[in-house]
Amino acid sequence: MNNPSRTVVLAMSFLLLSGCNESESSNKELTDSDQKKITDLIKKTEANMVFVKGGTFQMGDFGPIDEGTNGLPYSADKDNKPLHTVSLDSYSISATQISYDDFDIYTLATGKQTINDSGIEKKYRAPNVPAGVTWDQANDYCSWLSANTDSTYKLPTEAQWEFAARSRGQLYIFGTDDGTYERGKNIPTREEIRRSTKSNSLTSPSIIKSIPPNPIGIYQMGLNGFEWTNDWYSETYYNTSPQLNPQGPDSGSKKVERGGGLGGGLTAKFTFNRRSYLPDASFIAPNGELETGAIREHTFRCMSTSE
């Protein structure tokens, strides 16, 4: 269990050092109000972690073992096949994606530049929607938490992500309260998104906690943008994945993302859907050109293990 007093001491110590350690740091002196925001963020983060008891599940497109599918898969994607057995140790994972409010406090603490505060991305920026980031930005945020708490924070492996999204491996197609997907019941309607985000587009991120959590208390997994995982991507990894605590390939050029893009179709939001992007969130377009999509779609949450 984390020691609150040690957390505060570590946080304050880090604040004094961050200006020297960060190449992007500013010379702005942090006020008492700034320091309180940072300390409160760390406390909030620790309180927001959901314990996920370890276990064994069938990872991937579970259509062939689900009732009523006649042994057929739910999707034609090759990436989420074959179905394979995975066993995981216990861990904790954030109940919510990291918001812009959270990330802005992190950039304040470290002296980094604020993100997505100009151009089209600014239109979709709001305090309580998921922060749109690159893989490196997400990874650095989790590492910063590790430096200021008694726990080790990382991006979840894709196995940890799927196990949690499926409420410890249940046959849940969507990461909702009951595994179904119904606008106005457990998915925000267009009007609800418009009212809360000032945008009339289904490509807008939704407010965090705007729908009920899944049965183990985690919100919007796969339903509010892509989510970065720690794993390098390989199309054939499921064929060679170890059963115990798989960590993904040792190397690669792209990172695995889970969930669907904002405004994506239903199959993109399946709990077992997996996609890949270069760490800077760019991708190879059908014409062979390297392109950068909407950064707002690339979100994250951290997992932790106690030391």
C-alpha atoms as a PDB file:
ATOM      1  CA  MET A   1       0.000   0.000   0.000  1.00  0.00           C
ATOM      2  CA  ASN A   2       1.265   3.476  -0.807  1.00  0.00           C
ATOM      3  CA  ASN A   3       2.488   5.729   1.991  1.00  0.00           C
ATOM      4  CA  PRO A   4       0.720   9.133   1.588  1.00  0.00           C
ATOM      5  CA  SER A   5       3.398  11.073   3.444  1.00  0.00           C
ATOM      6  CA  ARG A   6       6.136   9.556   1.322  1.00  0.00           C
ATOM      7  CA  THR A   7       4.117  10.365  -1.786  1.00  0.00           C
ATOM      8  CA  VAL A   8       3.934  14.028  -0.823  1.00  0.00           C
ATOM      9  CA  VAL A   9       7.651  14.198   0.016  1.00  0.00           C
ATOM     10  CA  LEU A  10       8.573  12.540  -3.262  1.00  0.00           C
ATOM     11  CA  ALA A  11       6.288  14.851  -5.177  1.00  0.00           C
ATOM     12  CA  MET A  12       7.797  17.959  -3.647  1.00  0.00           C
ATOM     13  CA  SER A  13      11.335  16.691  -4.185  1.00  0.00           C
ATOM     14  CA  PHE A  14      10.569  15.969  -7.796  1.00  0.00           C
ATOM     15  CA  LEU A  15       9.208  19.451  -8.315  1.00  0.00           C
ATOM     16  CA  LEU A  16      12.521  20.924  -7.197  1.00  0.00           C
ATOM     17  CA  LEU A  17      14.471  18.694  -9.560  1.00  0.00           C
ATOM     18  CA  SER A  18      12.209  18.639 -12.598  1.00  0.00           C
ATOM     19  CA  GLY A  19      13.440  21.940 -13.978  1.00  0.00           C
ATOM     20  CA  CYS A  20      16.988  20.570 -14.117  1.00  0.00           C
ATOM     21  CA  ASN A  21      16.158  17.115 -15.456  1.00  0.00           C
ATOM     22  CA  GLU A  22      13.762  17.952 -18.295  1.00  0.00           C
ATOM     23  CA  SER A  23      15.282  19.220 -21.538  1.00  0.00           C
ATOM     24  CA  GLU A  24      11.982  20.925 -22.366  1.00  0.00           C
ATOM     25  CA  SER A  25      11.587  22.513 -18.952  1.00  0.00           C
ATOM     26  CA  SER A  26      10.798  26.139 -18.412  1.00  0.00           C
ATOM     27  CA  ASN A  27      12.180  28.440 -15.730  1.00  0.00           C
ATOM     28  CA  LYS A  28       8.738  29.104 -14.280  1.00  0.00           C
ATOM     29  CA  GLU A  29       8.730  28.891 -10.502  1.00  0.00           C
ATOM     30  CA  LEU A  30       5.946  26.724  -9.168  1.00  0.00           C
ATOM     31  CA  THR A  31       3.553  28.376  -6.738  1.00  0.00           C
ATOM     32  CA  ASP A  32       2.031  26.778  -3.670  1.00  0.00           C
ATOM     33  CA  SER A  33      -1.163  26.402  -5.709  1.00  0.00           C
ATOM     34  CA  ASP A  34       0.768  24.585  -8.457  1.00  0.00           C
ATOM     35  CA  GLN A  35       2.360  22.247  -5.934  1.00  0.00           C
ATOM     36  CA  LYS A  36      -1.020  21.436  -4.426  1.00  0.00           C
ATOM     37  CA  LYS A  37      -2.404  20.556  -7.866  1.00  0.00           C
ATOM     38  CA  ILE A  38       0.467  18.138  -8.423  1.00  0.00           C
ATOM     39  CA  THR A  39       0.149  16.511  -5.022  1.00  0.00           C
ATOM     40  CA  ASP A  40      -3.622  16.206  -5.488  1.00  0.00           C
ATOM     41  CA  LEU A  41      -3.120  14.586  -8.898  1.00  0.00           C
ATOM     42  CA  ILE A  42      -0.861  11.929  -7.398  1.00  0.00           C
ATOM     43  CA  LYS A  43      -3.348  11.218  -4.612  1.00  0.00           C
ATOM     44  CA  LYS A  44      -6.202  11.091  -7.125  1.00  0.00           C
ATOM     45  CA  THR A  45      -4.245   8.700  -9.343  1.00  0.00           C
ATOM     46  CA  GLU A  46      -3.607   6.299  -6.476  1.00  0.00           C
ATOM     47  CA  ALA A  47      -7.258   6.385  -5.429  1.00  0.00           C
ATOM     48  CA  ASN A  48      -8.384   5.799  -9.025  1.00  0.00           C
ATOM     49  CA  MET A  49      -6.583   2.493  -9.480  1.00  0.00           C
ATOM     50  CA  VAL A  50      -8.784  -0.615  -9.772  1.00  0.00           C
ATOM     51  CA  PHE A  51      -7.320  -3.877  -8.494  1.00  0.00           C
ATOM     52  CA  VAL A  52      -7.564  -6.680 -11.052  1.00  0.00           C
ATOM     53  CA  LYS A  53      -7.078 -10.100  -9.512  1.00  0.00           C
ATOM     54  CA  GLY A  54      -4.984 -12.298 -11.767  1.00  0.00           C
ATOM     55  CA  GLY A  55      -6.401 -15.263 -13.606  1.00  0.00           C
ATOM     56  CA  THR A  56      -6.505 -17.275 -16.817  1.00  0.00           C
ATOM     57  CA  PHE A  57      -8.637 -16.458 -19.861  1.00  0.00           C
ATOM     58  CA  GLN A  58      -8.974 -17.070 -23.575  1.00  0.00           C
ATOM     59  CA  MET A  59      -7.507 -13.993 -25.271  1.00  0.00           C
ATOM     60  CA  GLY A  60      -8.586 -12.840 -28.712  1.00  0.00           C
ATOM     61  CA  ASP A  61     -11.722 -13.183 -30.838  1.00  0.00           C
ATOM     62  CA  PHE A  62     -13.779 -15.483 -28.598  1.00  0.00           C
ATOM     63  CA  GLY A  63     -16.623 -15.974 -31.100  1.00  0.00           C
ATOM     64  CA  PRO A  64     -15.841 -19.683 -31.531  1.00  0.00           C
ATOM     65  CA  ILE A  65     -16.418 -20.350 -27.804  1.00  0.00           C
ATOM     66  CA  ASP A  66     -19.357 -17.974 -27.269  1.00  0.00           C
ATOM     67  CA  GLU A  67     -22.906 -19.257 -27.325  1.00  0.00           C
ATOM     68  CA  GLY A  68     -25.008 -18.398 -30.366  1.00  0.00           C
ATOM     69  CA  THR A  69     -22.191 -17.857 -32.855  1.00  0.00           C
ATOM     70  CA  ASN A  70     -22.250 -21.368 -34.338  1.00  0.00           C
ATOM     71  CA  GLY A  71     -18.516 -21.534 -33.799  1.00  0.00           C
ATOM     72  CA  LEU A  72     -17.853 -18.496 -35.998  1.00  0.00           C
ATOM     73  CA  PRO A  73     -15.571 -15.571 -35.109  1.00  0.00           C
ATOM     74  CA  TYR A  74     -16.976 -12.120 -34.414  1.00  0.00           C
ATOM     75  CA  SER A  75     -14.649 -10.404 -36.867  1.00  0.00           C
ATOM     76  CA  ALA A  76     -12.696 -11.146 -40.016  1.00  0.00           C
ATOM     77  CA  ASP A  77      -9.552  -9.455 -38.664  1.00  0.00           C
ATOM     78  CA  LYS A  78      -6.473 -11.647 -38.491  1.00  0.00           C
ATOM     79  CA  ASP A  79      -4.865  -9.512 -35.783  1.00  0.00           C
ATOM     80  CA  ASN A  80      -7.054 -10.850 -32.979  1.00  0.00           C
ATOM     81  CA  LYS A  81      -6.502 -14.521 -33.810  1.00  0.00           C
ATOM     82  CA  PRO A  82      -5.896 -17.277 -32.880  1.00  0.00           C
ATOM     83  CA  LEU A  83      -7.738 -17.517 -29.584  1.00  0.00           C
ATOM     84  CA  HIS A  84      -5.126 -18.499 -27.022  1.00  0.00           C
ATOM     85  CA  THR A  85      -4.775 -19.113 -23.293  1.00  0.00           C
ATOM     86  CA  VAL A  86      -3.209 -16.361 -21.180  1.00  0.00           C
ATOM     87  CA  SER A  87      -2.551 -16.325 -17.436  1.00  0.00           C
ATOM     88  CA  LEU A  88      -1.865 -13.034 -15.661  1.00  0.00           C
ATOM     89  CA  ASP A  89      -0.598 -12.057 -12.234  1.00  0.00           C
ATOM     90  CA  SER A  90      -2.652  -9.499 -10.325  1.00  0.00           C
ATOM     91  CA  TYR A  91      -2.214  -5.803 -11.094  1.00  0.00           C
ATOM     92  CA  SER A  92      -4.061  -2.499 -10.831  1.00  0.00           C
ATOM     93  CA  ILE A  93      -5.221  -0.300 -13.686  1.00  0.00           C
ATOM     94  CA  SER A  94      -6.637   3.216 -13.861  1.00  0.00           C
ATOM     95  CA  ALA A  95     -10.418   3.309 -13.796  1.00  0.00           C
ATOM     96  CA  THR A  96     -10.302   6.102 -16.367  1.00  0.00           C
ATOM     97  CA  GLN A  97      -8.228   7.385 -19.239  1.00  0.00           C
ATOM     98  CA  ILE A  98      -5.821  10.209 -18.429  1.00  0.00           C
ATOM     99  CA  SER A  99      -7.625  13.502 -18.981  1.00  0.00           C
ATOM    100  CA  TYR A 100      -6.319  16.792 -20.343  1.00  0.00           C
ATOM    101  CA  ASP A 101      -6.690  18.194 -16.846  1.00  0.00           C
ATOM    102  CA  ASP A 102      -4.401  15.426 -15.528  1.00  0.00           C
ATOM    103  CA  PHE A 103      -1.891  15.810 -18.339  1.00  0.00           C
ATOM    104  CA  ASP A 104      -1.766  19.597 -17.974  1.00  0.00           C
ATOM    105  CA  ILE A 105      -0.783  19.217 -14.327  1.00  0.00           C
ATOM    106  CA  TYR A 106       1.929  16.762 -15.365  1.00  0.00           C
ATOM    107  CA  THR A 107       3.335  19.229 -17.911  1.00  0.00           C
ATOM    108  CA  LEU A 108       3.192  21.918 -15.246  1.00  0.00           C
ATOM    109  CA  ALA A 109       5.195  19.707 -12.879  1.00  0.00           C
ATOM    110  CA  THR A 110       7.826  18.784 -15.448  1.00  0.00           C
ATOM    111  CA  GLY A 111       8.036  22.068 -17.326  1.00  0.00           C
ATOM    112  CA  LYS A 112       7.040  20.409 -20.603  1.00  0.00           C
ATOM    113  CA  GLN A 113       4.975  22.198 -23.223  1.00  0.00           C
ATOM    114  CA  THR A 114       1.211  21.851 -22.992  1.00  0.00           C
ATOM    115  CA  ILE A 115      -0.233  19.625 -25.696  1.00  0.00           C
ATOM    116  CA  ASN A 116      -2.795  20.134 -28.448  1.00  0.00           C
ATOM    117  CA  ASP A 117      -3.477  23.775 -27.598  1.00  0.00           C
ATOM    118  CA  SER A 118      -3.484  25.034 -31.188  1.00  0.00           C
ATOM    119  CA  GLY A 119      -4.952  24.109 -34.557  1.00  0.00           C
ATOM    120  CA  ILE A 120      -7.861  21.720 -35.010  1.00  0.00           C
ATOM    121  CA  GLU A 121      -6.943  19.649 -31.956  1.00  0.00           C
ATOM    122  CA  LYS A 122      -7.657  22.628 -29.701  1.00  0.00           C
ATOM    123  CA  LYS A 123     -11.305  22.419 -30.764  1.00  0.00           C
ATOM    124  CA  TYR A 124     -11.616  19.011 -29.132  1.00  0.00           C
ATOM    125  CA  ARG A 125      -9.612  19.840 -26.027  1.00  0.00           C
ATOM    126  CA  ALA A 126     -11.504  19.913 -22.707  1.00  0.00           C
ATOM    127  CA  PRO A 127     -10.472  19.339 -19.084  1.00  0.00           C
ATOM    128  CA  ASN A 128     -12.385  16.088 -18.617  1.00  0.00           C
ATOM    129  CA  VAL A 129     -11.916  14.269 -21.920  1.00  0.00           C
ATOM    130  CA  PRO A 130      -9.023  11.875 -22.643  1.00  0.00           C
ATOM    131  CA  ALA A 131      -5.729  13.551 -23.534  1.00  0.00           C
ATOM    132  CA  GLY A 132      -4.579  12.831 -27.093  1.00  0.00           C
ATOM    133  CA  VAL A 133      -0.906  11.823 -26.973  1.00  0.00           C
ATOM    134  CA  THR A 134       1.908   9.950 -28.677  1.00  0.00           C
ATOM    135  CA  TRP A 135       3.170   6.679 -27.207  1.00  0.00           C
ATOM    136  CA  ASP A 136       6.255   8.397 -25.791  1.00  0.00           C
ATOM    137  CA  GLN A 137       4.159  11.046 -24.073  1.00  0.00           C
ATOM    138  CA  ALA A 138       1.956   8.363 -22.535  1.00  0.00           C
ATOM    139  CA  ASN A 139       4.946   6.306 -21.437  1.00  0.00           C
ATOM    140  CA  ASP A 140       6.684   9.346 -19.925  1.00  0.00           C
ATOM    141  CA  TYR A 141       3.562  10.210 -17.921  1.00  0.00           C
ATOM    142  CA  CYS A 142       3.388   6.730 -16.377  1.00  0.00           C
ATOM    143  CA  SER A 143       7.137   6.833 -15.649  1.00  0.00           C
ATOM    144  CA  TRP A 144       6.686  10.181 -13.895  1.00  0.00           C
ATOM    145  CA  LEU A 145       4.081   8.587 -11.627  1.00  0.00           C
ATOM    146  CA  SER A 146       6.568   5.835 -10.762  1.00  0.00           C
ATOM    147  CA  ALA A 147       9.117   8.452  -9.726  1.00  0.00           C
ATOM    148  CA  ASN A 148       6.652  10.015  -7.301  1.00  0.00           C
ATOM    149  CA  THR A 149       4.924   7.059  -5.646  1.00  0.00           C
ATOM    150  CA  ASP A 150       5.680   3.722  -4.014  1.00  0.00           C
ATOM    151  CA  SER A 151       4.365   1.824  -7.058  1.00  0.00           C
ATOM    152  CA  THR A 152       5.707   1.048 -10.506  1.00  0.00           C
ATOM    153  CA  TYR A 153       3.494   2.568 -13.171  1.00  0.00           C
ATOM    154  CA  LYS A 154       3.596   1.543 -16.828  1.00  0.00           C
ATOM    155  CA  LEU A 155       1.335   1.356 -19.815  1.00  0.00           C
ATOM    156  CA  PRO A 156      -0.611  -1.916 -19.593  1.00  0.00           C
ATOM    157  CA  THR A 157       0.369  -4.846 -21.749  1.00  0.00           C
ATOM    158  CA  GLU A 158      -2.290  -5.653 -24.300  1.00  0.00           C
ATOM    159  CA  ALA A 159      -3.100  -8.838 -22.367  1.00  0.00           C
ATOM    160  CA  GLN A 160      -3.653  -6.820 -19.179  1.00  0.00           C
ATOM    161  CA  TRP A 161      -5.737  -4.326 -21.125  1.00  0.00           C
ATOM    162  CA  GLU A 162      -8.022  -6.975 -22.642  1.00  0.00           C
ATOM    163  CA  PHE A 163      -8.394  -8.923 -19.391  1.00  0.00           C
ATOM    164  CA  ALA A 164      -9.532  -5.731 -17.625  1.00  0.00           C
ATOM    165  CA  ALA A 165     -11.787  -4.580 -20.483  1.00  0.00           C
ATOM    166  CA  ARG A 166     -13.533  -7.942 -20.368  1.00  0.00           C
ATOM    167  CA  SER A 167     -13.972  -7.746 -16.572  1.00  0.00           C
ATOM    168  CA  ARG A 168     -11.355 -10.395 -15.869  1.00  0.00           C
ATOM    169  CA  GLY A 169     -11.744 -12.251 -19.128  1.00  0.00           C
ATOM    170  CA  GLN A 170     -15.524 -12.649 -19.351  1.00  0.00           C
ATOM    171  CA  LEU A 171     -16.996 -13.016 -22.837  1.00  0.00           C
ATOM    172  CA  TYR A 172     -17.863  -9.312 -23.094  1.00  0.00           C
ATOM    173  CA  ILE A 173     -17.840  -7.960 -26.635  1.00  0.00           C
ATOM    174  CA  PHE A 174     -17.863  -4.346 -25.414  1.00  0.00           C
ATOM    175  CA  GLY A 175     -16.338  -2.822 -22.290  1.00  0.00           C
ATOM    176  CA  THR A 176     -19.674  -1.586 -20.965  1.00  0.00           C
ATOM    177  CA  ASP A 177     -21.640  -2.405 -17.831  1.00  0.00           C
ATOM    178  CA  ASP A 178     -23.182  -5.517 -19.376  1.00  0.00           C
ATOM    179  CA  GLY A 179     -21.206  -6.119 -22.568  1.00  0.00           C
ATOM    180  CA  THR A 180     -23.850  -4.571 -24.835  1.00  0.00           C
ATOM    181  CA  TYR A 181     -23.638  -1.356 -26.869  1.00  0.00           C
ATOM    182  CA  GLU A 182     -26.715   0.854 -26.836  1.00  0.00           C
ATOM    183  CA  ARG A 183     -26.701   4.632 -27.335  1.00  0.00           C
ATOM    184  CA  GLY A 184     -28.648   6.437 -24.648  1.00  0.00           C
ATOM    185  CA  LYS A 185     -28.307   3.463 -22.282  1.00  0.00           C
ATOM    186  CA  ASN A 186     -24.626   2.713 -21.851  1.00  0.00           C
ATOM    187  CA  ILE A 187     -23.135   4.740 -24.739  1.00  0.00           C
ATOM    188  CA  PRO A 188     -23.485   8.555 -25.068  1.00  0.00           C
ATOM    189  CA  THR A 189     -25.824   9.833 -27.779  1.00  0.00           C
ATOM    190  CA  ARG A 190     -24.707  12.428 -30.318  1.00  0.00           C
ATOM    191  CA  GLU A 191     -26.684  15.065 -28.391  1.00  0.00           C
ATOM    192  CA  GLU A 192     -25.007  14.098 -25.113  1.00  0.00           C
ATOM    193  CA  ILE A 193     -21.589  14.379 -26.756  1.00  0.00           C
ATOM    194  CA  ARG A 194     -22.512  17.726 -28.305  1.00  0.00           C
ATOM    195  CA  ARG A 195     -23.724  19.172 -24.994  1.00  0.00           C
ATOM    196  CA  SER A 196     -20.692  18.030 -23.049  1.00  0.00           C
ATOM    197  CA  THR A 197     -17.925  18.750 -25.556  1.00  0.00           C
ATOM    198  CA  LYS A 198     -19.335  21.705 -27.549  1.00  0.00           C
ATOM    199  CA  SER A 199     -18.964  19.694 -30.763  1.00  0.00           C
ATOM    200  CA  ASN A 200     -21.624  18.184 -33.010  1.00  0.00           C
ATOM    201  CA  SER A 201     -19.420  15.360 -34.173  1.00  0.00           C
ATOM    202  CA  LEU A 202     -19.182  11.706 -33.181  1.00  0.00           C
ATOM    203  CA  THR A 203     -15.439  12.065 -33.740  1.00  0.00           C
ATOM    204  CA  SER A 204     -15.295  14.097 -30.528  1.00  0.00           C
ATOM    205  CA  PRO A 205     -13.998  12.380 -27.393  1.00  0.00           C
ATOM    206  CA  SER A 206     -16.643  11.793 -24.738  1.00  0.00           C
ATOM    207  CA  ILE A 207     -16.517  13.114 -21.198  1.00  0.00           C
ATOM    208  CA  ILE A 208     -14.766  10.662 -18.880  1.00  0.00           C
ATOM    209  CA  LYS A 209     -17.240   8.632 -16.767  1.00  0.00           C
ATOM    210  CA  SER A 210     -20.139   9.658 -19.017  1.00  0.00           C
ATOM    211  CA  ILE A 211     -21.305   6.030 -19.172  1.00  0.00           C
ATOM    212  CA  PRO A 212     -21.474   3.325 -16.488  1.00  0.00           C
ATOM    213  CA  PRO A 213     -18.260   1.367 -15.770  1.00  0.00           C
ATOM    214  CA  ASN A 214     -17.803  -2.296 -16.553  1.00  0.00           C
ATOM    215  CA  PRO A 215     -18.545  -4.776 -13.738  1.00  0.00           C
ATOM    216  CA  ILE A 216     -15.112  -4.395 -12.116  1.00  0.00           C
ATOM    217  CA  GLY A 217     -15.325  -0.587 -12.104  1.00  0.00           C
ATOM    218  CA  ILE A 218     -13.373   0.502 -15.197  1.00  0.00           C
ATOM    219  CA  TYR A 219     -14.745   3.141 -17.568  1.00  0.00           C
ATOM    220  CA  GLN A 220     -14.928   3.275 -21.369  1.00  0.00           C
ATOM    221  CA  MET A 221     -12.240   0.750 -22.278  1.00  0.00           C
ATOM    222  CA  GLY A 222     -12.101   0.747 -26.059  1.00  0.00           C
ATOM    223  CA  LEU A 223     -15.064   3.123 -26.328  1.00  0.00           C
ATOM    224  CA  ASN A 224     -13.463   6.563 -26.152  1.00  0.00           C
ATOM    225  CA  GLY A 225     -10.570   6.461 -28.587  1.00  0.00           C
ATOM    226  CA  PHE A 226      -7.606   4.167 -29.127  1.00  0.00           C
ATOM    227  CA  GLU A 227      -5.578   3.316 -26.026  1.00  0.00           C
ATOM    228  CA  TRP A 228      -1.815   2.819 -26.133  1.00  0.00           C
ATOM    229  CA  THR A 229      -0.365  -0.357 -24.627  1.00  0.00           C
ATOM    230  CA  ASN A 230       3.237  -1.140 -23.735  1.00  0.00           C
ATOM    231  CA  ASP A 231       3.620  -3.874 -26.391  1.00  0.00           C
ATOM    232  CA  TRP A 232       5.464  -3.728 -29.655  1.00  0.00           C
ATOM    233  CA  TYR A 233       3.247  -4.967 -32.473  1.00  0.00           C
ATOM    234  CA  SER A 234       3.563  -8.153 -34.477  1.00  0.00           C
ATOM    235  CA  GLU A 235       0.768  -9.497 -36.651  1.00  0.00           C
ATOM    236  CA  THR A 236       1.722 -13.070 -35.749  1.00  0.00           C
ATOM    237  CA  TYR A 237       2.441 -12.586 -32.029  1.00  0.00           C
ATOM    238  CA  TYR A 238      -0.623 -14.543 -30.933  1.00  0.00           C
ATOM    239  CA  ASN A 239       0.887 -17.644 -32.550  1.00  0.00           C
ATOM    240  CA  THR A 240       3.961 -17.521 -30.317  1.00  0.00           C
ATOM    241  CA  SER A 241       2.725 -15.654 -27.227  1.00  0.00           C
ATOM    242  CA  PRO A 242       3.734 -17.282 -23.937  1.00  0.00           C
ATOM    243  CA  GLN A 243       0.877 -18.228 -21.655  1.00  0.00           C
ATOM    244  CA  LEU A 244       2.181 -16.499 -18.523  1.00  0.00           C
ATOM    245  CA  ASN A 245       2.223 -12.677 -18.464  1.00  0.00           C
ATOM    246  CA  PRO A 246       2.927 -12.052 -22.171  1.00  0.00           C
ATOM    247  CA  GLN A 247       4.847  -8.815 -22.767  1.00  0.00           C
ATOM    248  CA  GLY A 248       4.702  -8.600 -26.554  1.00  0.00           C
ATOM    249  CA  PRO A 249       7.663  -8.884 -28.967  1.00  0.00           C
ATOM    250  CA  ASP A 250      11.099  -7.718 -27.816  1.00  0.00           C
ATOM    251  CA  SER A 251      11.211  -5.052 -30.504  1.00  0.00           C
ATOM    252  CA  GLY A 252       9.325  -3.602 -33.435  1.00  0.00           C
ATOM    253  CA  SER A 253       8.454  -0.435 -35.291  1.00  0.00           C
ATOM    254  CA  LYS A 254       4.833  -0.018 -34.179  1.00  0.00           C
ATOM    255  CA  LYS A 255       3.004  -0.156 -30.867  1.00  0.00           C
ATOM    256  CA  VAL A 256      -0.237  -2.000 -30.160  1.00  0.00           C
ATOM    257  CA  GLU A 257      -3.311   0.108 -29.533  1.00  0.00           C
ATOM    258  CA  ARG A 258      -6.566  -1.244 -28.208  1.00  0.00           C
ATOM    259  CA  GLY A 259     -10.112  -0.036 -28.776  1.00  0.00           C
ATOM    260  CA  GLY A 260     -11.484   1.932 -31.700  1.00  0.00           C
ATOM    261  CA  GLY A 261     -10.952   5.385 -33.074  1.00  0.00           C
ATOM    262  CA  LEU A 262     -13.496   8.100 -32.333  1.00  0.00           C
ATOM    263  CA  GLY A 263     -16.477   7.638 -34.613  1.00  0.00           C
ATOM    264  CA  GLY A 264     -15.300   4.173 -35.650  1.00  0.00           C
ATOM    265  CA  GLY A 265     -17.681   1.309 -36.339  1.00  0.00           C
ATOM    266  CA  LEU A 266     -18.848  -1.226 -33.793  1.00  0.00           C
ATOM    267  CA  THR A 267     -16.301  -3.905 -34.676  1.00  0.00           C
ATOM    268  CA  ALA A 268     -13.503  -1.408 -33.972  1.00  0.00           C
ATOM    269  CA  LYS A 269     -14.743  -1.146 -30.386  1.00  0.00           C
ATOM    270  CA  PHE A 270     -14.694  -4.864 -29.626  1.00  0.00           C
ATOM    271  CA  THR A 271     -12.761  -5.647 -26.445  1.00  0.00           C
ATOM    272  CA  PHE A 272     -10.451  -7.924 -28.411  1.00  0.00           C
ATOM    273  CA  ASN A 273      -9.853  -5.503 -31.294  1.00  0.00           C
ATOM    274  CA  ARG A 274      -6.205  -4.585 -31.773  1.00  0.00           C
ATOM    275  CA  ARG A 275      -4.554  -2.048 -34.040  1.00  0.00           C
ATOM    276  CA  SER A 276      -1.057  -0.646 -34.445  1.00  0.00           C
ATOM    277  CA  TYR A 277       0.473   2.774 -34.973  1.00  0.00           C
ATOM    278  CA  LEU A 278       3.980   4.138 -35.033  1.00  0.00           C
ATOM    279  CA  PRO A 279       4.852   5.609 -31.619  1.00  0.00           C
ATOM    280  CA  ASP A 280       4.332   9.152 -32.933  1.00  0.00           C
ATOM    281  CA  ALA A 281       0.750   8.168 -33.920  1.00  0.00           C
ATOM    282  CA  SER A 282       1.524   8.241 -37.645  1.00  0.00           C
ATOM    283  CA  PHE A 283       0.547   5.497 -40.080  1.00  0.00           C
ATOM    284  CA  ILE A 284       1.106   4.347 -43.628  1.00  0.00           C
ATOM    285  CA  ALA A 285      -1.817   5.434 -45.822  1.00  0.00           C
ATOM    286  CA  PRO A 286      -3.122   3.238 -48.668  1.00  0.00           C
ATOM    287  CA  ASN A 287      -1.141   5.389 -51.126  1.00  0.00           C
ATOM    288  CA  GLY A 288       2.063   4.513 -49.285  1.00  0.00           C
ATOM    289  CA  GLU A 289       2.504   7.948 -47.740  1.00  0.00           C
ATOM    290  CA  LEU A 290       3.270   8.424 -44.071  1.00  0.00           C
ATOM    291  CA  GLU A 291       0.425  10.361 -42.453  1.00  0.00           C
ATOM    292  CA  THR A 292      -0.500  11.582 -38.987  1.00  0.00           C
ATOM    293  CA  GLY A 293      -4.119  11.161 -38.034  1.00  0.00           C
ATOM    294  CA  ALA A 294      -6.132  12.920 -35.352  1.00  0.00           C
ATOM    295  CA  ILE A 295      -3.945  12.879 -32.257  1.00  0.00           C
ATOM    296  CA  ARG A 296      -7.071  13.230 -30.088  1.00  0.00           C
ATOM    297  CA  GLU A 297      -7.898   9.602 -30.905  1.00  0.00           C
ATOM    298  CA  HIS A 298      -4.744   8.262 -29.227  1.00  0.00           C
ATOM    299  CA  THR A 299      -5.328   8.040 -25.485  1.00  0.00           C
ATOM    300  CA  PHE A 300      -4.043   6.032 -22.541  1.00  0.00           C
ATOM    301  CA  ARG A 301      -4.350   4.868 -18.973  1.00  0.00           C
ATOM    302  CA  CYS A 302      -1.630   3.485 -16.670  1.00  0.00           C
ATOM    303  CA  MET A 303      -1.367   0.233 -14.755  1.00  0.00           C
ATOM    304  CA  SER A 304       0.624  -0.362 -11.593  1.00  0.00           C
ATOM    305  CA  THR A 305       2.295  -3.030  -9.537  1.00  0.00           C
ATOM    306  CA  SER A 306       3.304  -2.465  -5.924  1.00  0.00           C
ATOM    307  CA  GLU A 307       6.988  -2.772  -5.099  1.00  0.00           C
END
